[in-house]
Amino acid sequence: MGHSHSHDHGHHHHGSSNKTALKWAFFLITFFMVVEVIGGVLTNSLALLSDAGHMLSDSAALGLSYVAITIGQRAASSKKTFGYKRFEILAAFINGLTLMAISLYIFFEAYQRLMDPPEVVSTGMLVISSLGLVVNIAAAFILMKGDKDENLNVRSAFLHVLGDMLGSVGAIGAALLILFFGWYMADPIASIIVAVLIIISGFRVTRDSFHILMEGAPIHLDTQEVKDKLLSLEEVKQVHDLHVWSITSDFPAVSCHLVVDNEENDQLVLSRAKKLLHDEFELHHVTIQIDKEGTTGCESCN
């Protein structure tokens, strides 16, 4: 009976670039969040205050994401054999829930203002929201240098900033409508539009991170296709106990049992199976056990 476990840890480069991107985006967002809170209070603009509230969540999210990646890079131990990589997904899950909670609060505040639209200092609102847009574009650009397509934690932080960018656009539009037409309803309406976009982003991040926390198969991998490819190896008679999951968003893993004839060379089968999984599916963290036909004790497994 043969057994093989192989993986590589080519995540250090990504981790370093992700940490740098998150750190600078955090400082940028936190600084302007303070500016926007003060501006929102002085101009009496809900659009600015809701954007500032979202920026506050951004600041917390970026800080949490930075801490998550830092903790995630800790070495594995006898107690935590995968290290702390899963902490990144937990952070993304919390970020998603935070986004949805903030959007609900904005809905409530916007409803109050729709009933009784207050006056807003439109020129100050326009200046601050325009500056906010520039800051958010800069933060988004910084995060795009990270590994946002592969790393769910960085993607959740990027979506926070993207939502903020849309919030700034909404505030600019509302400020222009108030400035030229005196239409104060534009302020809460802009907030509602932003809140809808925020809650959609929050739901997606929460759903994706929950899927990983529940050990679901990576979205881009079809487990049946993985099984069929392994069965295509001429030495393999059966595949059972196949599990495909993610340790964290950019770290998929697979384990399975391969049933072969008694005369087959275990190491040769292992080598071919690992190469197939690497070449076809880019799976590096692979655990395979070779069972001889008739000795698996699991003939009914599939």
C-alpha atoms as a PDB file:
ATOM      1  CA  MET A   1       0.000   0.000   0.000  1.00  0.00           C
ATOM      2  CA  GLY A   2       1.458   3.353  -1.015  1.00  0.00           C
ATOM      3  CA  HIS A   3       0.839   6.819   0.286  1.00  0.00           C
ATOM      4  CA  SER A   4       2.022  10.187  -0.898  1.00  0.00           C
ATOM      5  CA  HIS A   5       1.560  13.730   0.300  1.00  0.00           C
ATOM      6  CA  SER A   6       2.945  16.634  -1.670  1.00  0.00           C
ATOM      7  CA  HIS A   7       2.508  20.365  -1.675  1.00  0.00           C
ATOM      8  CA  ASP A   8       4.413  23.553  -2.265  1.00  0.00           C
ATOM      9  CA  HIS A   9       4.180  26.849  -0.461  1.00  0.00           C
ATOM     10  CA  GLY A  10       4.517  29.319  -3.304  1.00  0.00           C
ATOM     11  CA  HIS A  11       2.395  31.811  -1.416  1.00  0.00           C
ATOM     12  CA  HIS A  12       5.130  33.924   0.170  1.00  0.00           C
ATOM     13  CA  HIS A  13       5.507  36.306  -2.777  1.00  0.00           C
ATOM     14  CA  HIS A  14       1.739  36.818  -3.000  1.00  0.00           C
ATOM     15  CA  GLY A  15       1.522  37.206   0.789  1.00  0.00           C
ATOM     16  CA  SER A  16       4.189  39.921   0.777  1.00  0.00           C
ATOM     17  CA  SER A  17       2.572  41.937  -2.041  1.00  0.00           C
ATOM     18  CA  ASN A  18      -0.846  41.518  -0.430  1.00  0.00           C
ATOM     19  CA  LYS A  19       0.427  42.779   2.931  1.00  0.00           C
ATOM     20  CA  THR A  20       2.062  45.836   1.358  1.00  0.00           C
ATOM     21  CA  ALA A  21      -1.067  46.687  -0.653  1.00  0.00           C
ATOM     22  CA  LEU A  22      -3.332  46.302   2.376  1.00  0.00           C
ATOM     23  CA  LYS A  23      -1.052  48.375   4.608  1.00  0.00           C
ATOM     24  CA  TRP A  24      -0.909  51.399   2.286  1.00  0.00           C
ATOM     25  CA  ALA A  25      -4.600  51.202   1.431  1.00  0.00           C
ATOM     26  CA  PHE A  26      -5.369  51.080   5.174  1.00  0.00           C
ATOM     27  CA  PHE A  27      -3.400  54.267   5.928  1.00  0.00           C
ATOM     28  CA  LEU A  28      -4.941  56.094   2.969  1.00  0.00           C
ATOM     29  CA  ILE A  29      -8.536  55.113   3.743  1.00  0.00           C
ATOM     30  CA  THR A  30      -8.225  55.733   7.489  1.00  0.00           C
ATOM     31  CA  PHE A  31      -6.845  59.241   6.971  1.00  0.00           C
ATOM     32  CA  PHE A  32      -9.587  60.275   4.572  1.00  0.00           C
ATOM     33  CA  MET A  33     -12.306  58.590   6.637  1.00  0.00           C
ATOM     34  CA  VAL A  34     -11.575  61.143   9.395  1.00  0.00           C
ATOM     35  CA  VAL A  35     -11.763  63.972   6.842  1.00  0.00           C
ATOM     36  CA  GLU A  36     -15.077  62.665   5.497  1.00  0.00           C
ATOM     37  CA  VAL A  37     -16.671  62.277   8.940  1.00  0.00           C
ATOM     38  CA  ILE A  38     -15.832  65.896   9.760  1.00  0.00           C
ATOM     39  CA  GLY A  39     -17.057  67.019   6.333  1.00  0.00           C
ATOM     40  CA  GLY A  40     -20.286  65.017   6.619  1.00  0.00           C
ATOM     41  CA  VAL A  41     -21.114  66.599   9.969  1.00  0.00           C
ATOM     42  CA  LEU A  42     -20.280  70.130   8.797  1.00  0.00           C
ATOM     43  CA  THR A  43     -22.280  69.836   5.539  1.00  0.00           C
ATOM     44  CA  ASN A  44     -25.136  67.779   7.068  1.00  0.00           C
ATOM     45  CA  SER A  45     -24.875  65.265   4.204  1.00  0.00           C
ATOM     46  CA  LEU A  46     -26.066  61.678   4.705  1.00  0.00           C
ATOM     47  CA  ALA A  47     -24.384  60.683   1.452  1.00  0.00           C
ATOM     48  CA  LEU A  48     -21.045  61.822   2.881  1.00  0.00           C
ATOM     49  CA  LEU A  49     -21.714  60.338   6.318  1.00  0.00           C
ATOM     50  CA  SER A  50     -22.814  56.997   4.831  1.00  0.00           C
ATOM     51  CA  ASP A  51     -19.685  56.996   2.690  1.00  0.00           C
ATOM     52  CA  ALA A  52     -17.666  57.839   5.800  1.00  0.00           C
ATOM     53  CA  GLY A  53     -19.381  54.976   7.627  1.00  0.00           C
ATOM     54  CA  HIS A  54     -18.445  52.682   4.808  1.00  0.00           C
ATOM     55  CA  MET A  55     -14.911  54.047   4.935  1.00  0.00           C
ATOM     56  CA  LEU A  56     -14.841  53.257   8.648  1.00  0.00           C
ATOM     57  CA  SER A  57     -15.751  49.666   7.815  1.00  0.00           C
ATOM     58  CA  ASP A  58     -13.101  49.788   5.074  1.00  0.00           C
ATOM     59  CA  SER A  59     -10.506  50.912   7.561  1.00  0.00           C
ATOM     60  CA  ALA A  60     -11.443  48.102   9.947  1.00  0.00           C
ATOM     61  CA  ALA A  61     -11.654  45.600   7.075  1.00  0.00           C
ATOM     62  CA  LEU A  62      -8.270  46.540   5.658  1.00  0.00           C
ATOM     63  CA  GLY A  63      -6.697  46.436   9.117  1.00  0.00           C
ATOM     64  CA  LEU A  64      -8.305  43.076   9.828  1.00  0.00           C
ATOM     65  CA  SER A  65      -7.223  41.751   6.419  1.00  0.00           C
ATOM     66  CA  TYR A  66      -3.644  42.879   7.051  1.00  0.00           C
ATOM     67  CA  VAL A  67      -3.642  41.161  10.456  1.00  0.00           C
ATOM     68  CA  ALA A  68      -5.240  38.064   8.885  1.00  0.00           C
ATOM     69  CA  ILE A  69      -2.522  37.721   6.249  1.00  0.00           C
ATOM     70  CA  THR A  70       0.191  38.347   8.858  1.00  0.00           C
ATOM     71  CA  ILE A  71      -1.275  35.683  11.141  1.00  0.00           C
ATOM     72  CA  GLY A  72      -1.902  33.406   8.139  1.00  0.00           C
ATOM     73  CA  GLN A  73       1.827  33.348   7.388  1.00  0.00           C
ATOM     74  CA  ARG A  74       2.642  31.822  10.773  1.00  0.00           C
ATOM     75  CA  ALA A  75       4.224  28.419  10.569  1.00  0.00           C
ATOM     76  CA  ALA A  76       2.174  25.282  11.124  1.00  0.00           C
ATOM     77  CA  SER A  77       2.445  23.571  14.495  1.00  0.00           C
ATOM     78  CA  SER A  78       1.540  20.226  16.013  1.00  0.00           C
ATOM     79  CA  LYS A  79      -1.716  21.805  17.229  1.00  0.00           C
ATOM     80  CA  LYS A  80      -2.531  23.674  13.997  1.00  0.00           C
ATOM     81  CA  THR A  81      -1.152  21.519  11.217  1.00  0.00           C
ATOM     82  CA  PHE A  82      -2.258  23.920   8.456  1.00  0.00           C
ATOM     83  CA  GLY A  83      -1.022  26.930  10.392  1.00  0.00           C
ATOM     84  CA  TYR A  84      -3.336  29.965  10.519  1.00  0.00           C
ATOM     85  CA  LYS A  85      -4.156  30.270   6.808  1.00  0.00           C
ATOM     86  CA  ARG A  86      -7.888  29.786   7.406  1.00  0.00           C
ATOM     87  CA  PHE A  87      -7.918  32.991   9.493  1.00  0.00           C
ATOM     88  CA  GLU A  88      -7.906  34.938   6.205  1.00  0.00           C
ATOM     89  CA  ILE A  89     -11.255  33.407   5.245  1.00  0.00           C
ATOM     90  CA  LEU A  90     -12.694  34.152   8.671  1.00  0.00           C
ATOM     91  CA  ALA A  91     -11.656  37.799   8.190  1.00  0.00           C
ATOM     92  CA  ALA A  92     -13.310  37.892   4.746  1.00  0.00           C
ATOM     93  CA  PHE A  93     -16.493  36.415   6.246  1.00  0.00           C
ATOM     94  CA  ILE A  94     -16.576  39.109   8.953  1.00  0.00           C
ATOM     95  CA  ASN A  95     -15.937  41.799   6.334  1.00  0.00           C
ATOM     96  CA  GLY A  96     -18.877  40.577   4.252  1.00  0.00           C
ATOM     97  CA  LEU A  97     -21.221  40.612   7.242  1.00  0.00           C
ATOM     98  CA  THR A  98     -20.001  44.113   8.130  1.00  0.00           C
ATOM     99  CA  LEU A  99     -20.793  45.373   4.637  1.00  0.00           C
ATOM    100  CA  MET A 100     -24.354  44.072   4.844  1.00  0.00           C
ATOM    101  CA  ALA A 101     -24.903  45.507   8.348  1.00  0.00           C
ATOM    102  CA  ILE A 102     -23.692  48.967   7.270  1.00  0.00           C
ATOM    103  CA  SER A 103     -25.935  48.953   4.202  1.00  0.00           C
ATOM    104  CA  LEU A 104     -28.967  48.203   6.403  1.00  0.00           C
ATOM    105  CA  TYR A 105     -28.088  51.152   8.636  1.00  0.00           C
ATOM    106  CA  ILE A 106     -27.797  53.424   5.574  1.00  0.00           C
ATOM    107  CA  PHE A 107     -31.246  52.256   4.396  1.00  0.00           C
ATOM    108  CA  PHE A 108     -32.723  53.210   7.763  1.00  0.00           C
ATOM    109  CA  GLU A 109     -31.091  56.651   7.830  1.00  0.00           C
ATOM    110  CA  ALA A 110     -32.056  57.337   4.198  1.00  0.00           C
ATOM    111  CA  TYR A 111     -35.696  56.472   4.950  1.00  0.00           C
ATOM    112  CA  GLN A 112     -35.708  59.038   7.776  1.00  0.00           C
ATOM    113  CA  ARG A 113     -34.367  61.708   5.436  1.00  0.00           C
ATOM    114  CA  LEU A 114     -36.761  60.874   2.626  1.00  0.00           C
ATOM    115  CA  MET A 115     -39.600  61.634   5.013  1.00  0.00           C
ATOM    116  CA  ASP A 116     -38.051  64.992   5.915  1.00  0.00           C
ATOM    117  CA  PRO A 117     -35.157  66.073   3.635  1.00  0.00           C
ATOM    118  CA  PRO A 118     -32.823  68.434   5.538  1.00  0.00           C
ATOM    119  CA  GLU A 119     -30.742  71.189   3.956  1.00  0.00           C
ATOM    120  CA  VAL A 120     -27.255  70.239   2.846  1.00  0.00           C
ATOM    121  CA  VAL A 121     -24.191  72.441   2.205  1.00  0.00           C
ATOM    122  CA  SER A 122     -23.694  71.308  -1.386  1.00  0.00           C
ATOM    123  CA  THR A 123     -20.373  73.050  -2.196  1.00  0.00           C
ATOM    124  CA  GLY A 124     -18.571  71.511   0.774  1.00  0.00           C
ATOM    125  CA  MET A 125     -20.188  68.170  -0.001  1.00  0.00           C
ATOM    126  CA  LEU A 126     -18.982  68.381  -3.617  1.00  0.00           C
ATOM    127  CA  VAL A 127     -15.384  69.201  -2.659  1.00  0.00           C
ATOM    128  CA  ILE A 128     -15.102  66.462  -0.027  1.00  0.00           C
ATOM    129  CA  SER A 129     -16.799  63.777  -2.141  1.00  0.00           C
ATOM    130  CA  SER A 130     -14.534  64.633  -5.098  1.00  0.00           C
ATOM    131  CA  LEU A 131     -11.471  64.252  -2.893  1.00  0.00           C
ATOM    132  CA  GLY A 132     -12.950  61.008  -1.591  1.00  0.00           C
ATOM    133  CA  LEU A 133     -13.230  59.676  -5.134  1.00  0.00           C
ATOM    134  CA  VAL A 134      -9.537  60.420  -5.783  1.00  0.00           C
ATOM    135  CA  VAL A 135      -8.526  58.700  -2.528  1.00  0.00           C
ATOM    136  CA  ASN A 136     -10.653  55.627  -3.285  1.00  0.00           C
ATOM    137  CA  ILE A 137      -9.281  55.331  -6.816  1.00  0.00           C
ATOM    138  CA  ALA A 138      -5.764  55.452  -5.350  1.00  0.00           C
ATOM    139  CA  ALA A 139      -6.632  52.792  -2.737  1.00  0.00           C
ATOM    140  CA  ALA A 140      -8.257  50.555  -5.373  1.00  0.00           C
ATOM    141  CA  PHE A 141      -5.173  50.913  -7.586  1.00  0.00           C
ATOM    142  CA  ILE A 142      -2.942  49.896  -4.666  1.00  0.00           C
ATOM    143  CA  LEU A 143      -5.080  46.820  -3.926  1.00  0.00           C
ATOM    144  CA  MET A 144      -5.112  45.818  -7.594  1.00  0.00           C
ATOM    145  CA  LYS A 145      -1.357  45.296  -7.234  1.00  0.00           C
ATOM    146  CA  GLY A 146      -2.186  42.624  -4.679  1.00  0.00           C
ATOM    147  CA  ASP A 147      -3.534  39.155  -5.497  1.00  0.00           C
ATOM    148  CA  LYS A 148      -7.225  40.107  -5.462  1.00  0.00           C
ATOM    149  CA  ASP A 149      -8.282  37.576  -8.127  1.00  0.00           C
ATOM    150  CA  GLU A 150      -6.965  34.611  -6.139  1.00  0.00           C
ATOM    151  CA  ASN A 151      -7.062  35.809  -2.537  1.00  0.00           C
ATOM    152  CA  LEU A 152     -10.605  36.164  -1.153  1.00  0.00           C
ATOM    153  CA  ASN A 153      -9.400  38.281   1.752  1.00  0.00           C
ATOM    154  CA  VAL A 154      -7.802  40.894  -0.539  1.00  0.00           C
ATOM    155  CA  ARG A 155     -10.838  40.725  -2.828  1.00  0.00           C
ATOM    156  CA  SER A 156     -13.183  41.497   0.075  1.00  0.00           C
ATOM    157  CA  ALA A 157     -11.036  44.514   0.976  1.00  0.00           C
ATOM    158  CA  PHE A 158     -10.998  45.578  -2.695  1.00  0.00           C
ATOM    159  CA  LEU A 159     -14.812  45.347  -2.835  1.00  0.00           C
ATOM    160  CA  HIS A 160     -15.034  47.544   0.272  1.00  0.00           C
ATOM    161  CA  VAL A 161     -12.966  50.209  -1.501  1.00  0.00           C
ATOM    162  CA  LEU A 162     -14.916  49.769  -4.742  1.00  0.00           C
ATOM    163  CA  GLY A 163     -18.142  50.336  -2.827  1.00  0.00           C
ATOM    164  CA  ASP A 164     -16.591  53.465  -1.341  1.00  0.00           C
ATOM    165  CA  MET A 165     -15.666  54.679  -4.815  1.00  0.00           C
ATOM    166  CA  LEU A 166     -19.282  54.275  -5.894  1.00  0.00           C
ATOM    167  CA  GLY A 167     -20.317  56.075  -2.722  1.00  0.00           C
ATOM    168  CA  SER A 168     -18.134  59.030  -3.661  1.00  0.00           C
ATOM    169  CA  VAL A 169     -19.623  59.086  -7.177  1.00  0.00           C
ATOM    170  CA  GLY A 170     -23.109  59.051  -5.676  1.00  0.00           C
ATOM    171  CA  ALA A 171     -22.240  61.882  -3.285  1.00  0.00           C
ATOM    172  CA  ILE A 172     -20.777  63.948  -6.158  1.00  0.00           C
ATOM    173  CA  GLY A 173     -23.959  63.446  -8.199  1.00  0.00           C
ATOM    174  CA  ALA A 174     -26.160  64.351  -5.242  1.00  0.00           C
ATOM    175  CA  ALA A 175     -24.066  67.457  -4.494  1.00  0.00           C
ATOM    176  CA  LEU A 176     -24.417  68.649  -8.109  1.00  0.00           C
ATOM    177  CA  LEU A 177     -28.204  68.130  -8.059  1.00  0.00           C
ATOM    178  CA  ILE A 178     -28.494  70.064  -4.800  1.00  0.00           C
ATOM    179  CA  LEU A 179     -26.118  72.800  -5.996  1.00  0.00           C
ATOM    180  CA  PHE A 180     -27.876  73.458  -9.311  1.00  0.00           C
ATOM    181  CA  PHE A 181     -31.482  72.440  -8.619  1.00  0.00           C
ATOM    182  CA  GLY A 182     -31.836  72.618  -4.834  1.00  0.00           C
ATOM    183  CA  TRP A 183     -33.080  69.003  -4.847  1.00  0.00           C
ATOM    184  CA  TYR A 184     -32.232  67.851  -1.302  1.00  0.00           C
ATOM    185  CA  MET A 185     -33.878  64.456  -1.870  1.00  0.00           C
ATOM    186  CA  ALA A 186     -30.814  63.579  -3.982  1.00  0.00           C
ATOM    187  CA  ASP A 187     -28.763  63.106  -0.793  1.00  0.00           C
ATOM    188  CA  PRO A 188     -30.732  60.175   0.726  1.00  0.00           C
ATOM    189  CA  ILE A 189     -31.453  58.713  -2.748  1.00  0.00           C
ATOM    190  CA  ALA A 190     -27.708  58.594  -3.492  1.00  0.00           C
ATOM    191  CA  SER A 191     -27.216  56.850  -0.139  1.00  0.00           C
ATOM    192  CA  ILE A 192     -29.826  54.201  -1.004  1.00  0.00           C
ATOM    193  CA  ILE A 193     -28.191  53.458  -4.374  1.00  0.00           C
ATOM    194  CA  VAL A 194     -24.824  53.032  -2.659  1.00  0.00           C
ATOM    195  CA  ALA A 195     -26.378  50.839   0.054  1.00  0.00           C
ATOM    196  CA  VAL A 196     -27.807  48.475  -2.601  1.00  0.00           C
ATOM    197  CA  LEU A 197     -24.371  48.105  -4.218  1.00  0.00           C
ATOM    198  CA  ILE A 198     -22.742  47.569  -0.814  1.00  0.00           C
ATOM    199  CA  ILE A 199     -25.173  44.835   0.250  1.00  0.00           C
ATOM    200  CA  ILE A 200     -24.666  42.946  -3.043  1.00  0.00           C
ATOM    201  CA  SER A 201     -20.880  43.013  -2.570  1.00  0.00           C
ATOM    202  CA  GLY A 202     -21.242  41.995   1.069  1.00  0.00           C
ATOM    203  CA  PHE A 203     -23.481  39.049   0.191  1.00  0.00           C
ATOM    204  CA  ARG A 204     -21.040  37.745  -2.423  1.00  0.00           C
ATOM    205  CA  VAL A 205     -18.026  37.885  -0.118  1.00  0.00           C
ATOM    206  CA  THR A 206     -19.987  36.292   2.738  1.00  0.00           C
ATOM    207  CA  ARG A 207     -21.278  33.519   0.453  1.00  0.00           C
ATOM    208  CA  ASP A 208     -17.826  32.711  -0.990  1.00  0.00           C
ATOM    209  CA  SER A 209     -16.065  32.730   2.373  1.00  0.00           C
ATOM    210  CA  PHE A 210     -18.835  30.614   3.971  1.00  0.00           C
ATOM    211  CA  HIS A 211     -18.406  28.074   1.149  1.00  0.00           C
ATOM    212  CA  ILE A 212     -14.700  27.760   1.994  1.00  0.00           C
ATOM    213  CA  LEU A 213     -15.345  27.602   5.750  1.00  0.00           C
ATOM    214  CA  MET A 214     -17.773  24.725   5.056  1.00  0.00           C
ATOM    215  CA  GLU A 215     -14.978  22.936   3.160  1.00  0.00           C
ATOM    216  CA  GLY A 216     -16.818  23.226  -0.165  1.00  0.00           C
ATOM    217  CA  ALA A 217     -15.001  22.334  -3.374  1.00  0.00           C
ATOM    218  CA  PRO A 218     -13.323  25.321  -5.088  1.00  0.00           C
ATOM    219  CA  ILE A 219     -15.731  26.986  -7.533  1.00  0.00           C
ATOM    220  CA  HIS A 220     -13.360  26.497 -10.481  1.00  0.00           C
ATOM    221  CA  LEU A 221     -12.903  22.764  -9.857  1.00  0.00           C
ATOM    222  CA  ASP A 222     -15.382  20.043 -10.856  1.00  0.00           C
ATOM    223  CA  THR A 223     -14.885  17.073  -8.508  1.00  0.00           C
ATOM    224  CA  GLN A 224     -16.431  14.668 -11.019  1.00  0.00           C
ATOM    225  CA  GLU A 225     -13.968  15.844 -13.655  1.00  0.00           C
ATOM    226  CA  VAL A 226     -11.086  15.320 -11.202  1.00  0.00           C
ATOM    227  CA  LYS A 227     -12.329  11.786 -10.550  1.00  0.00           C
ATOM    228  CA  ASP A 228     -12.771  11.023 -14.259  1.00  0.00           C
ATOM    229  CA  LYS A 229      -9.247  12.238 -15.035  1.00  0.00           C
ATOM    230  CA  LEU A 230      -7.776   9.998 -12.323  1.00  0.00           C
ATOM    231  CA  LEU A 231      -9.786   7.047 -13.656  1.00  0.00           C
ATOM    232  CA  SER A 232      -8.354   7.760 -17.109  1.00  0.00           C
ATOM    233  CA  LEU A 233      -4.967   6.540 -15.830  1.00  0.00           C
ATOM    234  CA  GLU A 234      -4.705   2.963 -17.126  1.00  0.00           C
ATOM    235  CA  GLU A 235      -3.401   1.615 -13.792  1.00  0.00           C
ATOM    236  CA  VAL A 236      -6.318   3.026 -11.747  1.00  0.00           C
ATOM    237  CA  LYS A 237      -9.344   0.743 -11.311  1.00  0.00           C
ATOM    238  CA  GLN A 238     -11.309   2.801  -8.773  1.00  0.00           C
ATOM    239  CA  VAL A 239     -11.212   6.203  -7.083  1.00  0.00           C
ATOM    240  CA  HIS A 240     -12.857   6.570  -3.690  1.00  0.00           C
ATOM    241  CA  ASP A 241     -12.876   8.921  -0.694  1.00  0.00           C
ATOM    242  CA  LEU A 242     -12.166  11.821  -3.052  1.00  0.00           C
ATOM    243  CA  HIS A 243     -12.191  15.173  -1.246  1.00  0.00           C
ATOM    244  CA  VAL A 244     -11.466  18.532  -2.852  1.00  0.00           C
ATOM    245  CA  TRP A 245     -11.515  21.633  -0.648  1.00  0.00           C
ATOM    246  CA  SER A 246      -9.680  24.879   0.063  1.00  0.00           C
ATOM    247  CA  ILE A 247      -7.463  25.638   3.040  1.00  0.00           C
ATOM    248  CA  THR A 248      -7.806  29.302   2.069  1.00  0.00           C
ATOM    249  CA  SER A 249      -8.949  31.006  -1.146  1.00  0.00           C
ATOM    250  CA  ASP A 250      -5.688  30.504  -3.077  1.00  0.00           C
ATOM    251  CA  PHE A 251      -4.742  27.148  -1.531  1.00  0.00           C
ATOM    252  CA  PRO A 252      -6.860  24.234  -2.922  1.00  0.00           C
ATOM    253  CA  ALA A 253      -6.217  20.713  -1.696  1.00  0.00           C
ATOM    254  CA  VAL A 254      -7.222  17.180  -2.676  1.00  0.00           C
ATOM    255  CA  SER A 255      -7.089  13.760  -1.053  1.00  0.00           C
ATOM    256  CA  CYS A 256      -8.225  10.386  -2.375  1.00  0.00           C
ATOM    257  CA  HIS A 257      -7.667   6.623  -2.524  1.00  0.00           C
ATOM    258  CA  LEU A 258      -6.701   4.995  -5.822  1.00  0.00           C
ATOM    259  CA  VAL A 259      -7.351   1.269  -6.277  1.00  0.00           C
ATOM    260  CA  VAL A 260      -4.823  -0.555  -8.503  1.00  0.00           C
ATOM    261  CA  ASP A 261      -3.913  -4.158  -9.405  1.00  0.00           C
ATOM    262  CA  ASN A 262      -1.625  -6.007  -6.996  1.00  0.00           C
ATOM    263  CA  GLU A 263       1.264  -6.069  -9.474  1.00  0.00           C
ATOM    264  CA  GLU A 264       1.269  -2.301 -10.132  1.00  0.00           C
ATOM    265  CA  ASN A 265       4.187  -0.144  -8.992  1.00  0.00           C
ATOM    266  CA  ASP A 266       2.734   2.135  -6.291  1.00  0.00           C
ATOM    267  CA  GLN A 267       5.316   4.894  -6.665  1.00  0.00           C
ATOM    268  CA  LEU A 268       4.878   5.039 -10.435  1.00  0.00           C
ATOM    269  CA  VAL A 269       1.086   5.376 -10.076  1.00  0.00           C
ATOM    270  CA  LEU A 270       1.524   8.058  -7.419  1.00  0.00           C
ATOM    271  CA  SER A 271       3.913   9.990  -9.615  1.00  0.00           C
ATOM    272  CA  ARG A 272       1.561   9.875 -12.605  1.00  0.00           C
ATOM    273  CA  ALA A 273      -1.484  10.825 -10.530  1.00  0.00           C
ATOM    274  CA  LYS A 274       0.278  13.809  -8.930  1.00  0.00           C
ATOM    275  CA  LYS A 275       1.566  15.003 -12.291  1.00  0.00           C
ATOM    276  CA  LEU A 276      -1.945  14.755 -13.771  1.00  0.00           C
ATOM    277  CA  LEU A 277      -3.502  16.743 -10.904  1.00  0.00           C
ATOM    278  CA  HIS A 278      -0.752  19.352 -11.154  1.00  0.00           C
ATOM    279  CA  ASP A 279      -0.901  19.737 -14.946  1.00  0.00           C
ATOM    280  CA  GLU A 280      -4.664  19.531 -15.427  1.00  0.00           C
ATOM    281  CA  PHE A 281      -5.950  21.340 -12.322  1.00  0.00           C
ATOM    282  CA  GLU A 282      -2.926  23.163 -10.832  1.00  0.00           C
ATOM    283  CA  LEU A 283      -3.374  21.194  -7.617  1.00  0.00           C
ATOM    284  CA  HIS A 284      -0.189  21.218  -5.545  1.00  0.00           C
ATOM    285  CA  HIS A 285      -1.423  20.113  -2.120  1.00  0.00           C
ATOM    286  CA  VAL A 286      -2.176  16.477  -2.893  1.00  0.00           C
ATOM    287  CA  THR A 287      -2.589  13.463  -0.588  1.00  0.00           C
ATOM    288  CA  ILE A 288      -3.067  10.117  -2.335  1.00  0.00           C
ATOM    289  CA  GLN A 289      -3.251   6.621  -0.889  1.00  0.00           C
ATOM    290  CA  ILE A 290      -2.775   3.571  -3.119  1.00  0.00           C
ATOM    291  CA  ASP A 291      -4.946   0.556  -2.271  1.00  0.00           C
ATOM    292  CA  LYS A 292      -4.437  -2.873  -3.816  1.00  0.00           C
ATOM    293  CA  GLU A 293      -7.528  -4.347  -5.466  1.00  0.00           C
ATOM    294  CA  GLY A 294      -9.468  -6.587  -3.087  1.00  0.00           C
ATOM    295  CA  THR A 295      -7.725  -5.228   0.038  1.00  0.00           C
ATOM    296  CA  THR A 296      -9.291  -1.765   0.353  1.00  0.00           C
ATOM    297  CA  GLY A 297     -12.040  -2.784   2.725  1.00  0.00           C
ATOM    298  CA  CYS A 298     -14.096  -0.214   0.894  1.00  0.00           C
ATOM    299  CA  GLU A 299     -15.345  -1.905  -2.283  1.00  0.00           C
ATOM    300  CA  SER A 300     -18.649  -0.026  -2.000  1.00  0.00           C
ATOM    301  CA  CYS A 301     -16.972   3.404  -1.767  1.00  0.00           C
ATOM    302  CA  ASN A 302     -17.312   5.811  -4.664  1.00  0.00           C
END
